[in-house]
């Protein structure tokens, strides 16, 4: 198999038929052997039924992994990575914001020697809030890690099989697949791809999920936040010691005074809030360890279609 396309699906019944038609046309035009693995991530609409129709329509090309519940986009992708047959693996969202016709651009760069190729959106068709939030996250990631990507949020990406196998072997609970691929790749690259506004449905990433995903990115690839907090803690400790010395000097040499009480309260509240942030930051790292130690299954499959030994 030359190319495996992996598409996670969650409540996308309005986009699936158009996606499948365009995907088949685009992949057939490339003249390569290919398969597409859809992962139904606990959809509660008719997505599962539609995907089964695709399996019956083109059994030589279409496979399905049907989850028992909603386990998240990246987990869905990993479940497909564990079962792909292609030498090159492409990830694609089901919302048609990244056109399947752009897959050929990524494959060209792979053929030229790259082992991980990401797409970056030519003109992003999202809300201003989402655009600015992405810029802030990209800036933070660029400064805190060694991962250099123009557009970490674009899931139209292509990987050589050895990169996919390395991602699967990490066995992490909370992972950010594009960043992992970048760290494993000897020659990563990016190409400009088209981006369209969502025609049907709404984004499955709420503000909380986006924040959660970016916490996974930062805490999974760098200790810089902990190190910065430690440095800040040392500096505030030095400042607090200097303040104590100053207050003792004023108390014993200038006499007791009531002025400045509220200033001290303000400083105290500030330091308490800093301590709370630090506790939360440490909790993020400890939480990642806790998830790994639990050793619970990442996902539960209800059924597979198109694979050997299909079933539950």
C-alpha atoms as a PDB file:
ATOM      1  CA  UNK A   1       0.000   0.000   0.000  1.00  0.00           C
ATOM      2  CA  UNK A   2       1.425   3.385  -0.990  1.00  0.00           C
ATOM      3  CA  UNK A   3      -0.744   5.804   1.008  1.00  0.00           C
ATOM      4  CA  UNK A   4      -2.990   5.513   4.051  1.00  0.00           C
ATOM      5  CA  UNK A   5      -5.335   8.423   4.801  1.00  0.00           C
ATOM      6  CA  UNK A   6      -6.532   8.686   8.404  1.00  0.00           C
ATOM      7  CA  UNK A   7      -9.721  10.667   9.126  1.00  0.00           C
ATOM      8  CA  UNK A   8     -11.186  10.977  12.652  1.00  0.00           C
ATOM      9  CA  UNK A   9     -14.932  11.604  12.628  1.00  0.00           C
ATOM     10  CA  UNK A  10     -17.184  13.034  15.322  1.00  0.00           C
ATOM     11  CA  UNK A  11     -20.725  14.113  14.355  1.00  0.00           C
ATOM     12  CA  UNK A  12     -19.916  15.070  10.759  1.00  0.00           C
ATOM     13  CA  UNK A  13     -22.874  13.530   8.904  1.00  0.00           C
ATOM     14  CA  UNK A  14     -23.396  16.715   6.878  1.00  0.00           C
ATOM     15  CA  UNK A  15     -19.862  16.678   5.444  1.00  0.00           C
ATOM     16  CA  UNK A  16     -19.071  12.992   4.986  1.00  0.00           C
ATOM     17  CA  UNK A  17     -20.585  12.246   1.581  1.00  0.00           C
ATOM     18  CA  UNK A  18     -19.022  15.270  -0.059  1.00  0.00           C
ATOM     19  CA  UNK A  19     -15.726  14.524   1.671  1.00  0.00           C
ATOM     20  CA  UNK A  20     -15.733  10.922   0.468  1.00  0.00           C
ATOM     21  CA  UNK A  21     -16.534  11.860  -3.111  1.00  0.00           C
ATOM     22  CA  UNK A  22     -13.762  14.446  -3.279  1.00  0.00           C
ATOM     23  CA  UNK A  23     -11.281  12.222  -1.456  1.00  0.00           C
ATOM     24  CA  UNK A  24     -11.824   9.277  -3.802  1.00  0.00           C
ATOM     25  CA  UNK A  25     -11.464  11.498  -6.860  1.00  0.00           C
ATOM     26  CA  UNK A  26      -8.288  13.103  -5.515  1.00  0.00           C
ATOM     27  CA  UNK A  27      -6.650   9.830  -4.479  1.00  0.00           C
ATOM     28  CA  UNK A  28      -7.593   7.965  -7.667  1.00  0.00           C
ATOM     29  CA  UNK A  29      -6.059  10.801  -9.694  1.00  0.00           C
ATOM     30  CA  UNK A  30      -2.697  10.326  -7.953  1.00  0.00           C
ATOM     31  CA  UNK A  31      -2.251   6.866  -9.478  1.00  0.00           C
ATOM     32  CA  UNK A  32      -1.088   5.277  -6.211  1.00  0.00           C
ATOM     33  CA  UNK A  33      -2.521   2.418  -4.217  1.00  0.00           C
ATOM     34  CA  UNK A  34      -4.351   3.847  -1.241  1.00  0.00           C
ATOM     35  CA  UNK A  35      -6.657   3.221   1.670  1.00  0.00           C
ATOM     36  CA  UNK A  36      -8.639   5.479   3.961  1.00  0.00           C
ATOM     37  CA  UNK A  37      -9.238   4.614   7.603  1.00  0.00           C
ATOM     38  CA  UNK A  38     -12.176   6.417   9.149  1.00  0.00           C
ATOM     39  CA  UNK A  39     -12.352   6.452  12.944  1.00  0.00           C
ATOM     40  CA  UNK A  40     -15.851   7.048  14.284  1.00  0.00           C
ATOM     41  CA  UNK A  41     -15.076   8.724  17.605  1.00  0.00           C
ATOM     42  CA  UNK A  42     -18.382   8.064  19.366  1.00  0.00           C
ATOM     43  CA  UNK A  43     -20.598  10.064  17.001  1.00  0.00           C
ATOM     44  CA  UNK A  44     -24.233  10.307  18.083  1.00  0.00           C
ATOM     45  CA  UNK A  45     -25.575  11.328  14.668  1.00  0.00           C
ATOM     46  CA  UNK A  46     -25.689   9.210  11.480  1.00  0.00           C
ATOM     47  CA  UNK A  47     -21.926   9.366  10.855  1.00  0.00           C
ATOM     48  CA  UNK A  48     -21.436   5.688  11.742  1.00  0.00           C
ATOM     49  CA  UNK A  49     -24.113   4.542   9.294  1.00  0.00           C
ATOM     50  CA  UNK A  50     -22.708   6.668   6.499  1.00  0.00           C
ATOM     51  CA  UNK A  51     -19.184   5.357   7.067  1.00  0.00           C
ATOM     52  CA  UNK A  52     -20.438   1.782   6.850  1.00  0.00           C
ATOM     53  CA  UNK A  53     -22.007   2.652   3.501  1.00  0.00           C
ATOM     54  CA  UNK A  54     -18.591   3.822   2.296  1.00  0.00           C
ATOM     55  CA  UNK A  55     -17.065   0.499   3.382  1.00  0.00           C
ATOM     56  CA  UNK A  56     -19.662  -1.373   1.333  1.00  0.00           C
ATOM     57  CA  UNK A  57     -19.274   0.958  -1.656  1.00  0.00           C
ATOM     58  CA  UNK A  58     -15.469   0.705  -1.919  1.00  0.00           C
ATOM     59  CA  UNK A  59     -14.324  -2.214   0.261  1.00  0.00           C
ATOM     60  CA  UNK A  60     -10.909  -2.276  -1.409  1.00  0.00           C
ATOM     61  CA  UNK A  61     -10.146   1.252  -0.194  1.00  0.00           C
ATOM     62  CA  UNK A  62     -12.204   1.972   2.926  1.00  0.00           C
ATOM     63  CA  UNK A  63     -11.767   0.740   6.486  1.00  0.00           C
ATOM     64  CA  UNK A  64     -13.571   1.739   9.650  1.00  0.00           C
ATOM     65  CA  UNK A  65     -12.732   1.796  13.341  1.00  0.00           C
ATOM     66  CA  UNK A  66     -15.841   2.384  15.426  1.00  0.00           C
ATOM     67  CA  UNK A  67     -15.174   3.543  18.993  1.00  0.00           C
ATOM     68  CA  UNK A  68     -17.365   2.675  21.945  1.00  0.00           C
ATOM     69  CA  UNK A  69     -17.366   6.338  23.016  1.00  0.00           C
ATOM     70  CA  UNK A  70     -15.718   9.684  22.444  1.00  0.00           C
ATOM     71  CA  UNK A  71     -11.978   9.441  23.192  1.00  0.00           C
ATOM     72  CA  UNK A  72     -10.692  12.506  21.359  1.00  0.00           C
ATOM     73  CA  UNK A  73      -9.225  13.373  17.975  1.00  0.00           C
ATOM     74  CA  UNK A  74      -5.596  12.490  18.669  1.00  0.00           C
ATOM     75  CA  UNK A  75      -6.520   9.175  20.297  1.00  0.00           C
ATOM     76  CA  UNK A  76      -8.633   8.351  17.236  1.00  0.00           C
ATOM     77  CA  UNK A  77      -5.665   9.069  14.982  1.00  0.00           C
ATOM     78  CA  UNK A  78      -3.375   6.862  17.081  1.00  0.00           C
ATOM     79  CA  UNK A  79      -5.822   3.938  16.821  1.00  0.00           C
ATOM     80  CA  UNK A  80      -5.590   4.216  13.030  1.00  0.00           C
ATOM     81  CA  UNK A  81      -1.795   4.647  13.117  1.00  0.00           C
ATOM     82  CA  UNK A  82      -1.631   1.271  14.847  1.00  0.00           C
ATOM     83  CA  UNK A  83      -3.408  -0.346  11.862  1.00  0.00           C
ATOM     84  CA  UNK A  84      -2.241   1.527   8.742  1.00  0.00           C
ATOM     85  CA  UNK A  85      -0.783  -0.347   5.779  1.00  0.00           C
ATOM     86  CA  UNK A  86       0.660   2.533   3.745  1.00  0.00           C
ATOM     87  CA  UNK A  87       4.292   3.564   3.394  1.00  0.00           C
ATOM     88  CA  UNK A  88       3.066   7.159   3.700  1.00  0.00           C
ATOM     89  CA  UNK A  89       0.360   8.159   6.159  1.00  0.00           C
ATOM     90  CA  UNK A  90      -1.781  11.287   5.739  1.00  0.00           C
ATOM     91  CA  UNK A  91      -4.033  12.790   8.415  1.00  0.00           C
ATOM     92  CA  UNK A  92      -7.073  14.813   7.384  1.00  0.00           C
ATOM     93  CA  UNK A  93     -10.009  16.358   9.244  1.00  0.00           C
ATOM     94  CA  UNK A  94     -13.551  15.435   8.221  1.00  0.00           C
ATOM     95  CA  UNK A  95     -14.898  19.000   8.124  1.00  0.00           C
ATOM     96  CA  UNK A  96     -13.588  19.783   4.583  1.00  0.00           C
ATOM     97  CA  UNK A  97     -11.798  22.918   5.775  1.00  0.00           C
ATOM     98  CA  UNK A  98      -8.616  21.309   4.457  1.00  0.00           C
ATOM     99  CA  UNK A  99      -9.410  20.164   0.894  1.00  0.00           C
ATOM    100  CA  UNK A 100      -8.443  16.532   0.143  1.00  0.00           C
ATOM    101  CA  UNK A 101      -7.217  17.762  -3.255  1.00  0.00           C
ATOM    102  CA  UNK A 102      -4.210  19.255  -1.410  1.00  0.00           C
ATOM    103  CA  UNK A 103      -2.890  15.827  -0.364  1.00  0.00           C
ATOM    104  CA  UNK A 104      -0.833  15.634  -3.553  1.00  0.00           C
ATOM    105  CA  UNK A 105       1.262  18.639  -2.445  1.00  0.00           C
ATOM    106  CA  UNK A 106       2.306  16.844   0.715  1.00  0.00           C
ATOM    107  CA  UNK A 107       3.126  13.629  -1.115  1.00  0.00           C
ATOM    108  CA  UNK A 108       5.383  15.530  -3.528  1.00  0.00           C
ATOM    109  CA  UNK A 109       7.483  16.822  -0.613  1.00  0.00           C
ATOM    110  CA  UNK A 110       7.647  13.312   0.862  1.00  0.00           C
ATOM    111  CA  UNK A 111       8.870  12.005  -2.505  1.00  0.00           C
ATOM    112  CA  UNK A 112      11.583  14.693  -2.449  1.00  0.00           C
ATOM    113  CA  UNK A 113      13.047  13.247   0.752  1.00  0.00           C
ATOM    114  CA  UNK A 114      11.095  14.762   3.649  1.00  0.00           C
ATOM    115  CA  UNK A 115       9.823  12.398   6.317  1.00  0.00           C
ATOM    116  CA  UNK A 116       7.196  14.658   7.928  1.00  0.00           C
ATOM    117  CA  UNK A 117       5.328  17.340   5.987  1.00  0.00           C
ATOM    118  CA  UNK A 118       2.747  19.631   7.536  1.00  0.00           C
ATOM    119  CA  UNK A 119       0.322  21.973   5.870  1.00  0.00           C
ATOM    120  CA  UNK A 120       0.041  25.618   6.835  1.00  0.00           C
ATOM    121  CA  UNK A 121      -3.126  27.427   5.916  1.00  0.00           C
ATOM    122  CA  UNK A 122      -2.807  29.980   3.118  1.00  0.00           C
ATOM    123  CA  UNK A 123      -5.722  32.099   4.301  1.00  0.00           C
ATOM    124  CA  UNK A 124      -7.313  30.837   7.459  1.00  0.00           C
ATOM    125  CA  UNK A 125     -11.117  30.934   7.365  1.00  0.00           C
ATOM    126  CA  UNK A 126     -11.778  31.022  11.116  1.00  0.00           C
ATOM    127  CA  UNK A 127     -13.090  33.542  13.619  1.00  0.00           C
ATOM    128  CA  UNK A 128     -10.755  36.409  14.671  1.00  0.00           C
ATOM    129  CA  UNK A 129     -10.729  35.080  18.241  1.00  0.00           C
ATOM    130  CA  UNK A 130      -9.471  31.666  17.126  1.00  0.00           C
ATOM    131  CA  UNK A 131      -6.867  33.240  14.846  1.00  0.00           C
ATOM    132  CA  UNK A 132      -5.419  35.475  17.572  1.00  0.00           C
ATOM    133  CA  UNK A 133      -5.491  32.667  20.125  1.00  0.00           C
ATOM    134  CA  UNK A 134      -3.512  30.488  17.709  1.00  0.00           C
ATOM    135  CA  UNK A 135      -0.934  33.245  17.225  1.00  0.00           C
ATOM    136  CA  UNK A 136      -0.431  33.488  20.986  1.00  0.00           C
ATOM    137  CA  UNK A 137      -0.076  29.716  21.347  1.00  0.00           C
ATOM    138  CA  UNK A 138       2.313  29.523  18.380  1.00  0.00           C
ATOM    139  CA  UNK A 139       4.432  32.267  19.952  1.00  0.00           C
ATOM    140  CA  UNK A 140       4.535  30.501  23.341  1.00  0.00           C
ATOM    141  CA  UNK A 141       5.408  27.159  21.754  1.00  0.00           C
ATOM    142  CA  UNK A 142       8.115  28.744  19.597  1.00  0.00           C
ATOM    143  CA  UNK A 143       9.765  30.364  22.641  1.00  0.00           C
ATOM    144  CA  UNK A 144       9.463  27.434  25.054  1.00  0.00           C
ATOM    145  CA  UNK A 145      10.244  24.442  22.835  1.00  0.00           C
ATOM    146  CA  UNK A 146      12.478  23.457  19.931  1.00  0.00           C
ATOM    147  CA  UNK A 147       9.450  22.742  17.740  1.00  0.00           C
ATOM    148  CA  UNK A 148       9.272  25.094  14.758  1.00  0.00           C
ATOM    149  CA  UNK A 149       5.969  24.990  12.909  1.00  0.00           C
ATOM    150  CA  UNK A 150       4.138  27.752  11.088  1.00  0.00           C
ATOM    151  CA  UNK A 151       0.720  26.256  11.763  1.00  0.00           C
ATOM    152  CA  UNK A 152       0.466  23.646  14.502  1.00  0.00           C
ATOM    153  CA  UNK A 153      -3.338  23.546  14.281  1.00  0.00           C
ATOM    154  CA  UNK A 154      -3.529  22.283  10.698  1.00  0.00           C
ATOM    155  CA  UNK A 155      -4.155  18.522  10.700  1.00  0.00           C
ATOM    156  CA  UNK A 156      -3.506  18.042   6.973  1.00  0.00           C
ATOM    157  CA  UNK A 157      -0.122  16.327   7.366  1.00  0.00           C
ATOM    158  CA  UNK A 158       1.866  13.481   5.806  1.00  0.00           C
ATOM    159  CA  UNK A 159       4.379  11.174   7.495  1.00  0.00           C
ATOM    160  CA  UNK A 160       6.639   8.370   6.415  1.00  0.00           C
ATOM    161  CA  UNK A 161       5.790   5.050   8.009  1.00  0.00           C
ATOM    162  CA  UNK A 162       8.826   5.018  10.332  1.00  0.00           C
ATOM    163  CA  UNK A 163       7.671   8.303  11.900  1.00  0.00           C
ATOM    164  CA  UNK A 164       4.182   6.895  12.476  1.00  0.00           C
ATOM    165  CA  UNK A 165       5.618   3.748  14.056  1.00  0.00           C
ATOM    166  CA  UNK A 166       7.767   5.873  16.378  1.00  0.00           C
ATOM    167  CA  UNK A 167       4.706   7.894  17.455  1.00  0.00           C
ATOM    168  CA  UNK A 168       2.809   4.702  18.256  1.00  0.00           C
ATOM    169  CA  UNK A 169       5.705   3.365  20.336  1.00  0.00           C
ATOM    170  CA  UNK A 170       5.690   6.406  22.638  1.00  0.00           C
ATOM    171  CA  UNK A 171       2.513   5.067  24.249  1.00  0.00           C
ATOM    172  CA  UNK A 172       1.727   8.461  25.805  1.00  0.00           C
ATOM    173  CA  UNK A 173      -1.706   9.252  27.180  1.00  0.00           C
ATOM    174  CA  UNK A 174      -1.954  12.918  26.216  1.00  0.00           C
ATOM    175  CA  UNK A 175      -0.067  13.632  23.046  1.00  0.00           C
ATOM    176  CA  UNK A 176       0.199  16.250  20.326  1.00  0.00           C
ATOM    177  CA  UNK A 177       0.863  14.269  17.150  1.00  0.00           C
ATOM    178  CA  UNK A 178       2.300  17.041  14.886  1.00  0.00           C
ATOM    179  CA  UNK A 179       4.814  18.021  17.579  1.00  0.00           C
ATOM    180  CA  UNK A 180       5.832  14.400  18.188  1.00  0.00           C
ATOM    181  CA  UNK A 181       6.337  13.870  14.462  1.00  0.00           C
ATOM    182  CA  UNK A 182       8.493  16.998  14.275  1.00  0.00           C
ATOM    183  CA  UNK A 183      10.761  15.757  17.071  1.00  0.00           C
ATOM    184  CA  UNK A 184      11.178  12.346  15.404  1.00  0.00           C
ATOM    185  CA  UNK A 185      11.683  13.621  11.847  1.00  0.00           C
ATOM    186  CA  UNK A 186      15.139  14.008  10.344  1.00  0.00           C
ATOM    187  CA  UNK A 187      13.846  16.301   7.601  1.00  0.00           C
ATOM    188  CA  UNK A 188      10.523  17.974   8.465  1.00  0.00           C
ATOM    189  CA  UNK A 189       8.957  20.551   6.177  1.00  0.00           C
ATOM    190  CA  UNK A 190       5.729  22.486   5.591  1.00  0.00           C
ATOM    191  CA  UNK A 191       3.779  23.414   2.475  1.00  0.00           C
ATOM    192  CA  UNK A 192       1.087  25.993   1.930  1.00  0.00           C
ATOM    193  CA  UNK A 193      -2.417  24.553   1.584  1.00  0.00           C
ATOM    194  CA  UNK A 194      -5.832  26.001   0.964  1.00  0.00           C
ATOM    195  CA  UNK A 195      -8.299  26.447   3.803  1.00  0.00           C
ATOM    196  CA  UNK A 196     -12.068  26.780   3.540  1.00  0.00           C
ATOM    197  CA  UNK A 197     -14.724  27.928   5.958  1.00  0.00           C
ATOM    198  CA  UNK A 198     -16.754  25.160   7.566  1.00  0.00           C
ATOM    199  CA  UNK A 199     -19.888  24.725   5.447  1.00  0.00           C
ATOM    200  CA  UNK A 200     -21.864  22.365   7.695  1.00  0.00           C
ATOM    201  CA  UNK A 201     -21.849  21.904  11.467  1.00  0.00           C
ATOM    202  CA  UNK A 202     -19.618  23.563  14.009  1.00  0.00           C
ATOM    203  CA  UNK A 203     -16.120  23.065  15.369  1.00  0.00           C
ATOM    204  CA  UNK A 204     -15.755  20.227  17.862  1.00  0.00           C
ATOM    205  CA  UNK A 205     -12.998  22.090  19.690  1.00  0.00           C
ATOM    206  CA  UNK A 206     -14.464  24.262  22.431  1.00  0.00           C
ATOM    207  CA  UNK A 207     -12.338  26.916  24.126  1.00  0.00           C
ATOM    208  CA  UNK A 208     -11.641  24.497  26.981  1.00  0.00           C
ATOM    209  CA  UNK A 209     -10.515  21.727  24.606  1.00  0.00           C
ATOM    210  CA  UNK A 210      -8.187  24.121  22.794  1.00  0.00           C
ATOM    211  CA  UNK A 211      -6.659  25.235  26.100  1.00  0.00           C
ATOM    212  CA  UNK A 212      -6.371  21.600  27.200  1.00  0.00           C
ATOM    213  CA  UNK A 213      -4.677  20.613  23.927  1.00  0.00           C
ATOM    214  CA  UNK A 214      -2.126  23.391  24.222  1.00  0.00           C
ATOM    215  CA  UNK A 215      -1.403  22.489  27.837  1.00  0.00           C
ATOM    216  CA  UNK A 216      -0.581  19.005  26.527  1.00  0.00           C
ATOM    217  CA  UNK A 217       1.710  20.543  23.922  1.00  0.00           C
ATOM    218  CA  UNK A 218       3.661  22.703  26.381  1.00  0.00           C
ATOM    219  CA  UNK A 219       3.882  20.236  29.268  1.00  0.00           C
ATOM    220  CA  UNK A 220       4.619  17.314  26.947  1.00  0.00           C
ATOM    221  CA  UNK A 221       7.642  18.839  25.223  1.00  0.00           C
ATOM    222  CA  UNK A 222       9.377  21.198  27.618  1.00  0.00           C
ATOM    223  CA  UNK A 223      10.169  21.884  31.278  1.00  0.00           C
ATOM    224  CA  UNK A 224      10.576  25.610  30.625  1.00  0.00           C
ATOM    225  CA  UNK A 225       7.359  26.613  32.499  1.00  0.00           C
ATOM    226  CA  UNK A 226       8.603  24.845  35.653  1.00  0.00           C
ATOM    227  CA  UNK A 227      12.057  26.337  35.252  1.00  0.00           C
ATOM    228  CA  UNK A 228      10.677  29.839  34.744  1.00  0.00           C
ATOM    229  CA  UNK A 229       8.482  29.464  37.808  1.00  0.00           C
ATOM    230  CA  UNK A 230      11.468  28.271  39.863  1.00  0.00           C
ATOM    231  CA  UNK A 231      13.499  31.314  38.784  1.00  0.00           C
ATOM    232  CA  UNK A 232      10.586  33.601  39.588  1.00  0.00           C
ATOM    233  CA  UNK A 233      10.269  31.904  42.984  1.00  0.00           C
ATOM    234  CA  UNK A 234      13.923  32.643  43.764  1.00  0.00           C
ATOM    235  CA  UNK A 235      13.529  36.275  42.726  1.00  0.00           C
ATOM    236  CA  UNK A 236      10.379  36.787  44.797  1.00  0.00           C
ATOM    237  CA  UNK A 237      12.075  35.131  47.769  1.00  0.00           C
ATOM    238  CA  UNK A 238      14.949  37.601  47.507  1.00  0.00           C
ATOM    239  CA  UNK A 239      12.462  40.463  47.186  1.00  0.00           C
ATOM    240  CA  UNK A 240      10.467  39.219  50.162  1.00  0.00           C
ATOM    241  CA  UNK A 241      13.639  38.970  52.279  1.00  0.00           C
ATOM    242  CA  UNK A 242      14.592  42.510  51.353  1.00  0.00           C
ATOM    243  CA  UNK A 243      11.095  43.683  52.312  1.00  0.00           C
ATOM    244  CA  UNK A 244      11.327  41.921  55.686  1.00  0.00           C
ATOM    245  CA  UNK A 245      14.685  43.572  56.391  1.00  0.00           C
ATOM    246  CA  UNK A 246      13.226  46.947  55.468  1.00  0.00           C
ATOM    247  CA  UNK A 247      10.187  46.472  57.734  1.00  0.00           C
ATOM    248  CA  UNK A 248      12.367  45.374  60.670  1.00  0.00           C
ATOM    249  CA  UNK A 249      14.578  48.420  60.184  1.00  0.00           C
ATOM    250  CA  UNK A 250      11.583  50.764  60.124  1.00  0.00           C
ATOM    251  CA  UNK A 251      10.025  49.039  63.169  1.00  0.00           C
ATOM    252  CA  UNK A 252      13.071  49.214  65.420  1.00  0.00           C
ATOM    253  CA  UNK A 253      14.709  52.431  64.248  1.00  0.00           C
ATOM    254  CA  UNK A 254      11.802  54.617  63.058  1.00  0.00           C
ATOM    255  CA  UNK A 255       9.047  53.366  65.339  1.00  0.00           C
ATOM    256  CA  UNK A 256       5.768  51.488  64.802  1.00  0.00           C
ATOM    257  CA  UNK A 257       3.456  52.685  62.036  1.00  0.00           C
ATOM    258  CA  UNK A 258       0.165  51.638  60.510  1.00  0.00           C
ATOM    259  CA  UNK A 259       0.792  53.036  57.027  1.00  0.00           C
ATOM    260  CA  UNK A 260       1.420  50.556  54.276  1.00  0.00           C
ATOM    261  CA  UNK A 261      -0.875  47.868  55.696  1.00  0.00           C
ATOM    262  CA  UNK A 262      -2.913  47.561  52.533  1.00  0.00           C
ATOM    263  CA  UNK A 263       0.254  47.533  50.438  1.00  0.00           C
ATOM    264  CA  UNK A 264       1.407  44.523  52.416  1.00  0.00           C
ATOM    265  CA  UNK A 265      -1.965  42.865  51.845  1.00  0.00           C
ATOM    266  CA  UNK A 266      -1.641  43.501  48.112  1.00  0.00           C
ATOM    267  CA  UNK A 267       1.841  41.935  48.092  1.00  0.00           C
ATOM    268  CA  UNK A 268       0.555  38.974  50.108  1.00  0.00           C
ATOM    269  CA  UNK A 269      -2.375  38.374  47.753  1.00  0.00           C
ATOM    270  CA  UNK A 270      -0.048  38.585  44.766  1.00  0.00           C
ATOM    271  CA  UNK A 271       2.351  36.017  46.222  1.00  0.00           C
ATOM    272  CA  UNK A 272      -0.528  33.694  47.150  1.00  0.00           C
ATOM    273  CA  UNK A 273      -1.883  33.869  43.585  1.00  0.00           C
ATOM    274  CA  UNK A 274       1.592  33.114  42.229  1.00  0.00           C
ATOM    275  CA  UNK A 275       1.800  30.093  44.533  1.00  0.00           C
ATOM    276  CA  UNK A 276      -1.574  28.855  43.250  1.00  0.00           C
ATOM    277  CA  UNK A 277      -0.395  29.156  39.647  1.00  0.00           C
ATOM    278  CA  UNK A 278       2.727  27.207  40.547  1.00  0.00           C
ATOM    279  CA  UNK A 279       0.710  24.464  42.218  1.00  0.00           C
ATOM    280  CA  UNK A 280      -1.471  24.204  39.103  1.00  0.00           C
ATOM    281  CA  UNK A 281       1.594  24.043  36.871  1.00  0.00           C
ATOM    282  CA  UNK A 282       3.147  21.272  38.925  1.00  0.00           C
ATOM    283  CA  UNK A 283      -0.221  19.525  38.896  1.00  0.00           C
ATOM    284  CA  UNK A 284      -0.198  19.487  35.081  1.00  0.00           C
ATOM    285  CA  UNK A 285       3.086  17.582  35.007  1.00  0.00           C
ATOM    286  CA  UNK A 286       2.089  15.259  37.853  1.00  0.00           C
ATOM    287  CA  UNK A 287      -1.244  14.627  36.115  1.00  0.00           C
ATOM    288  CA  UNK A 288       0.550  13.399  32.984  1.00  0.00           C
ATOM    289  CA  UNK A 289       2.508  10.933  35.120  1.00  0.00           C
ATOM    290  CA  UNK A 290      -0.695   9.837  36.854  1.00  0.00           C
ATOM    291  CA  UNK A 291      -2.402   9.087  33.543  1.00  0.00           C
ATOM    292  CA  UNK A 292       0.501   6.901  32.409  1.00  0.00           C
ATOM    293  CA  UNK A 293       0.715   5.043  35.739  1.00  0.00           C
ATOM    294  CA  UNK A 294      -3.004   4.219  35.608  1.00  0.00           C
ATOM    295  CA  UNK A 295      -2.340   2.096  32.498  1.00  0.00           C
ATOM    296  CA  UNK A 296      -5.972   2.270  31.409  1.00  0.00           C
ATOM    297  CA  UNK A 297      -6.852   1.543  27.762  1.00  0.00           C
ATOM    298  CA  UNK A 298      -6.574   4.625  25.566  1.00  0.00           C
ATOM    299  CA  UNK A 299      -9.758   3.658  23.747  1.00  0.00           C
ATOM    300  CA  UNK A 300     -12.317   0.883  23.404  1.00  0.00           C
ATOM    301  CA  UNK A 301     -13.339  -0.348  19.964  1.00  0.00           C
ATOM    302  CA  UNK A 302     -16.919  -1.371  19.357  1.00  0.00           C
ATOM    303  CA  UNK A 303     -16.303  -2.751  15.870  1.00  0.00           C
ATOM    304  CA  UNK A 304     -13.911  -2.659  12.946  1.00  0.00           C
ATOM    305  CA  UNK A 305     -14.748  -3.029   9.264  1.00  0.00           C
ATOM    306  CA  UNK A 306     -12.323  -3.836   6.445  1.00  0.00           C
ATOM    307  CA  UNK A 307      -9.507  -5.214   8.607  1.00  0.00           C
ATOM    308  CA  UNK A 308      -8.450  -8.791   9.105  1.00  0.00           C
ATOM    309  CA  UNK A 309     -10.191 -10.396  12.081  1.00  0.00           C
ATOM    310  CA  UNK A 310     -12.939  -7.777  12.053  1.00  0.00           C
ATOM    311  CA  UNK A 311     -15.230  -7.602  15.031  1.00  0.00           C
ATOM    312  CA  UNK A 312     -15.355  -6.205  18.547  1.00  0.00           C
END
